[in-house]
């Protein structure tokens, strides 16, 4: 095995132990506590500390960002994130559409938004926003629109930083949808 002769300090007493075989090296020589012979690998993408045995290197994934750990060990195997043309077009249209609607709402100080089911008219509600009430739906549309445009930026950016993009997109969508639903408390219901 390739781990034979590897030296690692005990987590309990700090004494350095040498790995010989699974049957002989599972306890510390000094304190008798169990030894952890897994390799500690810091993910290149998110910085999380991962513990892997040598046999898990090929198929192991980071515990934090779920990227293959082989990308940390061999960066040349990295495959950048990509979006199909149809999804890019939809994200671009949604992003610029939401930003355009928010600009329209700011300049006219009037917005009408629907909420509820498309298929059951009894559940469908329309809300009208005037003056300062427009600010919360506008913030929601700007955040979600920016999230859609960030998806396209992630596709264009070929560096190994998808984890940061995913965190930003998730945060923008979460806060945007929350602001969208809170905005209905300030709007005026229209039949």
C-alpha atoms as a PDB file:
ATOM      1  CA  UNK A   1       0.000   0.000   0.000  1.00  0.00           C
ATOM      2  CA  UNK A   2       1.210   3.534  -0.751  1.00  0.00           C
ATOM      3  CA  UNK A   3       0.477   4.838   2.780  1.00  0.00           C
ATOM      4  CA  UNK A   4       3.148   2.601   4.385  1.00  0.00           C
ATOM      5  CA  UNK A   5       5.724   4.697   6.196  1.00  0.00           C
ATOM      6  CA  UNK A   6       3.471   7.777   6.424  1.00  0.00           C
ATOM      7  CA  UNK A   7       3.882   9.736   9.678  1.00  0.00           C
ATOM      8  CA  UNK A   8       0.968  11.458  11.397  1.00  0.00           C
ATOM      9  CA  UNK A   9       0.594  13.053  14.847  1.00  0.00           C
ATOM     10  CA  UNK A  10      -2.017  11.687  17.264  1.00  0.00           C
ATOM     11  CA  UNK A  11      -4.949  14.039  17.848  1.00  0.00           C
ATOM     12  CA  UNK A  12      -5.010  13.213  21.568  1.00  0.00           C
ATOM     13  CA  UNK A  13      -1.391  13.245  22.766  1.00  0.00           C
ATOM     14  CA  UNK A  14       0.490  14.713  19.768  1.00  0.00           C
ATOM     15  CA  UNK A  15       2.991  11.829  19.431  1.00  0.00           C
ATOM     16  CA  UNK A  16       4.005  11.043  15.862  1.00  0.00           C
ATOM     17  CA  UNK A  17       3.034   7.544  14.678  1.00  0.00           C
ATOM     18  CA  UNK A  18       4.206   5.675  11.601  1.00  0.00           C
ATOM     19  CA  UNK A  19       1.683   3.809   9.475  1.00  0.00           C
ATOM     20  CA  UNK A  20       2.621   0.159   8.912  1.00  0.00           C
ATOM     21  CA  UNK A  21      -0.590  -1.704   8.093  1.00  0.00           C
ATOM     22  CA  UNK A  22      -4.301  -1.479   8.972  1.00  0.00           C
ATOM     23  CA  UNK A  23      -3.963  -4.202  11.641  1.00  0.00           C
ATOM     24  CA  UNK A  24      -0.939  -2.695  13.410  1.00  0.00           C
ATOM     25  CA  UNK A  25      -1.477   1.054  13.073  1.00  0.00           C
ATOM     26  CA  UNK A  26      -5.042   1.665  14.186  1.00  0.00           C
ATOM     27  CA  UNK A  27      -4.040   2.789  17.733  1.00  0.00           C
ATOM     28  CA  UNK A  28      -1.556   5.401  18.944  1.00  0.00           C
ATOM     29  CA  UNK A  29       1.702   3.948  20.314  1.00  0.00           C
ATOM     30  CA  UNK A  30       1.722   6.312  23.322  1.00  0.00           C
ATOM     31  CA  UNK A  31      -1.880   6.826  24.504  1.00  0.00           C
ATOM     32  CA  UNK A  32      -3.660   3.860  22.870  1.00  0.00           C
ATOM     33  CA  UNK A  33      -6.425   6.031  21.313  1.00  0.00           C
ATOM     34  CA  UNK A  34      -7.682   5.290  17.808  1.00  0.00           C
ATOM     35  CA  UNK A  35      -5.722   6.928  14.992  1.00  0.00           C
ATOM     36  CA  UNK A  36      -7.329   8.643  12.009  1.00  0.00           C
ATOM     37  CA  UNK A  37      -5.138   7.834   8.999  1.00  0.00           C
ATOM     38  CA  UNK A  38      -7.295   9.673   6.456  1.00  0.00           C
ATOM     39  CA  UNK A  39      -5.655  12.395   4.373  1.00  0.00           C
ATOM     40  CA  UNK A  40      -6.636  15.983   5.172  1.00  0.00           C
ATOM     41  CA  UNK A  41      -7.208  17.897   1.957  1.00  0.00           C
ATOM     42  CA  UNK A  42      -8.201  21.552   1.825  1.00  0.00           C
ATOM     43  CA  UNK A  43     -10.626  22.176  -1.044  1.00  0.00           C
ATOM     44  CA  UNK A  44      -9.230  24.593  -3.608  1.00  0.00           C
ATOM     45  CA  UNK A  45     -12.738  25.848  -4.425  1.00  0.00           C
ATOM     46  CA  UNK A  46     -14.203  26.704  -0.984  1.00  0.00           C
ATOM     47  CA  UNK A  47     -11.376  26.110   1.525  1.00  0.00           C
ATOM     48  CA  UNK A  48     -13.172  23.404   3.551  1.00  0.00           C
ATOM     49  CA  UNK A  49     -11.059  20.693   5.197  1.00  0.00           C
ATOM     50  CA  UNK A  50     -11.909  17.193   3.898  1.00  0.00           C
ATOM     51  CA  UNK A  51     -10.826  13.796   5.219  1.00  0.00           C
ATOM     52  CA  UNK A  52     -10.309  11.068   2.612  1.00  0.00           C
ATOM     53  CA  UNK A  53      -8.669   7.700   2.422  1.00  0.00           C
ATOM     54  CA  UNK A  54      -6.430   7.188  -0.599  1.00  0.00           C
ATOM     55  CA  UNK A  55      -9.023   4.964  -2.291  1.00  0.00           C
ATOM     56  CA  UNK A  56     -11.619   7.784  -2.187  1.00  0.00           C
ATOM     57  CA  UNK A  57      -9.582  10.402  -4.089  1.00  0.00           C
ATOM     58  CA  UNK A  58     -11.020   9.620  -7.525  1.00  0.00           C
ATOM     59  CA  UNK A  59     -14.721   9.747  -6.608  1.00  0.00           C
ATOM     60  CA  UNK A  60     -14.719  11.852  -3.415  1.00  0.00           C
ATOM     61  CA  UNK A  61     -16.520  15.185  -3.221  1.00  0.00           C
ATOM     62  CA  UNK A  62     -15.927  18.177  -0.952  1.00  0.00           C
ATOM     63  CA  UNK A  63     -18.160  18.176   2.129  1.00  0.00           C
ATOM     64  CA  UNK A  64     -18.987  21.866   1.659  1.00  0.00           C
ATOM     65  CA  UNK A  65     -19.246  22.698  -2.064  1.00  0.00           C
ATOM     66  CA  UNK A  66     -19.695  19.135  -3.456  1.00  0.00           C
ATOM     67  CA  UNK A  67     -17.028  19.665  -6.128  1.00  0.00           C
ATOM     68  CA  UNK A  68     -14.885  16.624  -6.942  1.00  0.00           C
ATOM     69  CA  UNK A  69     -11.820  16.563  -4.692  1.00  0.00           C
ATOM     70  CA  UNK A  70      -9.717  15.421  -7.654  1.00  0.00           C
ATOM     71  CA  UNK A  71      -9.939  19.041  -8.925  1.00  0.00           C
ATOM     72  CA  UNK A  72      -7.941  20.097  -5.868  1.00  0.00           C
ATOM     73  CA  UNK A  73      -5.330  17.392  -6.374  1.00  0.00           C
ATOM     74  CA  UNK A  74      -5.168  17.693 -10.181  1.00  0.00           C
ATOM     75  CA  UNK A  75      -6.408  21.134 -11.322  1.00  0.00           C
ATOM     76  CA  UNK A  76      -6.037  20.165 -14.986  1.00  0.00           C
ATOM     77  CA  UNK A  77      -9.078  17.860 -14.620  1.00  0.00           C
ATOM     78  CA  UNK A  78     -11.373  20.815 -13.725  1.00  0.00           C
ATOM     79  CA  UNK A  79     -14.461  21.193 -15.949  1.00  0.00           C
ATOM     80  CA  UNK A  80     -16.043  24.683 -15.783  1.00  0.00           C
ATOM     81  CA  UNK A  81     -19.763  25.204 -15.253  1.00  0.00           C
ATOM     82  CA  UNK A  82     -21.790  25.704 -18.424  1.00  0.00           C
ATOM     83  CA  UNK A  83     -25.385  26.562 -19.319  1.00  0.00           C
ATOM     84  CA  UNK A  84     -27.123  25.485 -22.534  1.00  0.00           C
ATOM     85  CA  UNK A  85     -28.028  28.280 -24.973  1.00  0.00           C
ATOM     86  CA  UNK A  86     -31.752  27.993 -24.228  1.00  0.00           C
ATOM     87  CA  UNK A  87     -31.245  28.447 -20.464  1.00  0.00           C
ATOM     88  CA  UNK A  88     -28.818  31.318 -21.070  1.00  0.00           C
ATOM     89  CA  UNK A  89     -31.394  33.051 -23.281  1.00  0.00           C
ATOM     90  CA  UNK A  90     -34.172  32.552 -20.703  1.00  0.00           C
ATOM     91  CA  UNK A  91     -31.934  33.815 -17.870  1.00  0.00           C
ATOM     92  CA  UNK A  92     -30.883  36.836 -19.929  1.00  0.00           C
ATOM     93  CA  UNK A  93     -34.495  37.629 -20.849  1.00  0.00           C
ATOM     94  CA  UNK A  94     -35.699  37.190 -17.243  1.00  0.00           C
ATOM     95  CA  UNK A  95     -32.831  39.243 -15.801  1.00  0.00           C
ATOM     96  CA  UNK A  96     -33.187  42.203 -18.142  1.00  0.00           C
ATOM     97  CA  UNK A  97     -37.002  41.944 -18.050  1.00  0.00           C
ATOM     98  CA  UNK A  98     -37.082  42.202 -14.259  1.00  0.00           C
ATOM     99  CA  UNK A  99     -34.578  45.057 -14.262  1.00  0.00           C
ATOM    100  CA  UNK A 100     -36.636  46.894 -16.923  1.00  0.00           C
ATOM    101  CA  UNK A 101     -39.840  46.403 -14.893  1.00  0.00           C
ATOM    102  CA  UNK A 102     -38.127  47.755 -11.786  1.00  0.00           C
ATOM    103  CA  UNK A 103     -36.887  50.843 -13.658  1.00  0.00           C
ATOM    104  CA  UNK A 104     -40.416  51.372 -15.008  1.00  0.00           C
ATOM    105  CA  UNK A 105     -41.825  51.076 -11.470  1.00  0.00           C
ATOM    106  CA  UNK A 106     -39.365  53.622 -10.086  1.00  0.00           C
ATOM    107  CA  UNK A 107     -40.102  56.215 -12.783  1.00  0.00           C
ATOM    108  CA  UNK A 108     -43.895  55.833 -12.849  1.00  0.00           C
ATOM    109  CA  UNK A 109     -44.297  55.123  -9.101  1.00  0.00           C
ATOM    110  CA  UNK A 110     -46.977  52.579 -10.027  1.00  0.00           C
ATOM    111  CA  UNK A 111     -46.831  48.761 -10.288  1.00  0.00           C
ATOM    112  CA  UNK A 112     -49.461  46.036 -10.639  1.00  0.00           C
ATOM    113  CA  UNK A 113     -48.370  42.505  -9.644  1.00  0.00           C
ATOM    114  CA  UNK A 114     -50.268  39.234  -9.704  1.00  0.00           C
ATOM    115  CA  UNK A 115     -50.099  36.638  -6.979  1.00  0.00           C
ATOM    116  CA  UNK A 116     -51.685  33.201  -6.834  1.00  0.00           C
ATOM    117  CA  UNK A 117     -52.764  30.527  -9.284  1.00  0.00           C
ATOM    118  CA  UNK A 118     -53.072  31.020 -13.025  1.00  0.00           C
ATOM    119  CA  UNK A 119     -55.675  28.294 -13.364  1.00  0.00           C
ATOM    120  CA  UNK A 120     -58.070  29.042 -10.512  1.00  0.00           C
ATOM    121  CA  UNK A 121     -59.416  32.570 -10.728  1.00  0.00           C
ATOM    122  CA  UNK A 122     -60.740  32.396  -7.147  1.00  0.00           C
ATOM    123  CA  UNK A 123     -57.153  32.172  -5.839  1.00  0.00           C
ATOM    124  CA  UNK A 124     -55.617  34.725  -8.206  1.00  0.00           C
ATOM    125  CA  UNK A 125     -55.065  38.170  -6.720  1.00  0.00           C
ATOM    126  CA  UNK A 126     -53.717  41.383  -8.202  1.00  0.00           C
ATOM    127  CA  UNK A 127     -52.016  44.006  -6.081  1.00  0.00           C
ATOM    128  CA  UNK A 128     -51.411  47.635  -6.957  1.00  0.00           C
ATOM    129  CA  UNK A 129     -48.531  49.665  -5.563  1.00  0.00           C
ATOM    130  CA  UNK A 130     -48.335  53.489  -5.517  1.00  0.00           C
ATOM    131  CA  UNK A 131     -45.625  55.871  -4.335  1.00  0.00           C
ATOM    132  CA  UNK A 132     -43.324  54.550  -1.628  1.00  0.00           C
ATOM    133  CA  UNK A 133     -45.056  51.145  -1.741  1.00  0.00           C
ATOM    134  CA  UNK A 134     -43.263  50.500  -5.045  1.00  0.00           C
ATOM    135  CA  UNK A 135     -39.865  50.299  -3.342  1.00  0.00           C
ATOM    136  CA  UNK A 136     -40.178  46.761  -1.926  1.00  0.00           C
ATOM    137  CA  UNK A 137     -41.335  45.085  -5.183  1.00  0.00           C
ATOM    138  CA  UNK A 138     -38.629  47.021  -7.041  1.00  0.00           C
ATOM    139  CA  UNK A 139     -35.957  45.747  -4.634  1.00  0.00           C
ATOM    140  CA  UNK A 140     -37.289  42.206  -5.098  1.00  0.00           C
ATOM    141  CA  UNK A 141     -37.171  42.481  -8.896  1.00  0.00           C
ATOM    142  CA  UNK A 142     -33.659  43.963  -8.867  1.00  0.00           C
ATOM    143  CA  UNK A 143     -32.342  41.185  -6.616  1.00  0.00           C
ATOM    144  CA  UNK A 144     -33.895  38.338  -8.616  1.00  0.00           C
ATOM    145  CA  UNK A 145     -32.925  39.967 -11.944  1.00  0.00           C
ATOM    146  CA  UNK A 146     -29.331  40.319 -10.736  1.00  0.00           C
ATOM    147  CA  UNK A 147     -29.413  36.646  -9.712  1.00  0.00           C
ATOM    148  CA  UNK A 148     -30.409  35.644 -13.249  1.00  0.00           C
ATOM    149  CA  UNK A 149     -27.635  37.775 -14.767  1.00  0.00           C
ATOM    150  CA  UNK A 150     -25.150  36.290 -12.292  1.00  0.00           C
ATOM    151  CA  UNK A 151     -26.033  32.823 -13.625  1.00  0.00           C
ATOM    152  CA  UNK A 152     -24.824  33.979 -17.051  1.00  0.00           C
ATOM    153  CA  UNK A 153     -21.694  35.524 -15.520  1.00  0.00           C
ATOM    154  CA  UNK A 154     -20.958  32.160 -13.881  1.00  0.00           C
ATOM    155  CA  UNK A 155     -21.191  30.517 -17.302  1.00  0.00           C
ATOM    156  CA  UNK A 156     -18.811  33.054 -18.844  1.00  0.00           C
ATOM    157  CA  UNK A 157     -16.296  32.926 -15.956  1.00  0.00           C
ATOM    158  CA  UNK A 158     -14.244  29.749 -16.485  1.00  0.00           C
ATOM    159  CA  UNK A 159     -12.313  29.956 -13.199  1.00  0.00           C
ATOM    160  CA  UNK A 160     -12.831  27.378 -10.449  1.00  0.00           C
ATOM    161  CA  UNK A 161     -15.121  29.553  -8.277  1.00  0.00           C
ATOM    162  CA  UNK A 162     -18.626  28.176  -8.834  1.00  0.00           C
ATOM    163  CA  UNK A 163     -19.122  27.870  -5.085  1.00  0.00           C
ATOM    164  CA  UNK A 164     -19.027  31.649  -4.658  1.00  0.00           C
ATOM    165  CA  UNK A 165     -21.414  32.197  -7.553  1.00  0.00           C
ATOM    166  CA  UNK A 166     -23.820  29.601  -6.151  1.00  0.00           C
ATOM    167  CA  UNK A 167     -23.779  31.275  -2.719  1.00  0.00           C
ATOM    168  CA  UNK A 168     -24.428  34.714  -4.251  1.00  0.00           C
ATOM    169  CA  UNK A 169     -27.212  33.483  -6.557  1.00  0.00           C
ATOM    170  CA  UNK A 170     -28.925  31.576  -3.730  1.00  0.00           C
ATOM    171  CA  UNK A 171     -28.720  34.619  -1.453  1.00  0.00           C
ATOM    172  CA  UNK A 172     -30.092  36.981  -4.105  1.00  0.00           C
ATOM    173  CA  UNK A 173     -32.994  34.670  -4.972  1.00  0.00           C
ATOM    174  CA  UNK A 174     -33.863  34.020  -1.314  1.00  0.00           C
ATOM    175  CA  UNK A 175     -33.883  37.678  -0.281  1.00  0.00           C
ATOM    176  CA  UNK A 176     -35.618  38.679  -3.542  1.00  0.00           C
ATOM    177  CA  UNK A 177     -38.478  36.190  -3.156  1.00  0.00           C
ATOM    178  CA  UNK A 178     -38.833  37.094   0.514  1.00  0.00           C
ATOM    179  CA  UNK A 179     -39.108  40.794  -0.392  1.00  0.00           C
ATOM    180  CA  UNK A 180     -41.616  39.902  -3.133  1.00  0.00           C
ATOM    181  CA  UNK A 181     -43.952  38.118  -0.715  1.00  0.00           C
ATOM    182  CA  UNK A 182     -43.565  40.751   2.020  1.00  0.00           C
ATOM    183  CA  UNK A 183     -44.446  43.456  -0.530  1.00  0.00           C
ATOM    184  CA  UNK A 184     -48.026  42.146  -0.779  1.00  0.00           C
ATOM    185  CA  UNK A 185     -48.702  43.337   2.782  1.00  0.00           C
ATOM    186  CA  UNK A 186     -48.174  46.922   1.588  1.00  0.00           C
ATOM    187  CA  UNK A 187     -49.992  46.694  -1.733  1.00  0.00           C
ATOM    188  CA  UNK A 188     -53.637  47.458  -2.400  1.00  0.00           C
ATOM    189  CA  UNK A 189     -55.700  44.457  -3.512  1.00  0.00           C
ATOM    190  CA  UNK A 190     -57.478  44.914  -6.854  1.00  0.00           C
ATOM    191  CA  UNK A 191     -60.194  42.601  -8.208  1.00  0.00           C
END
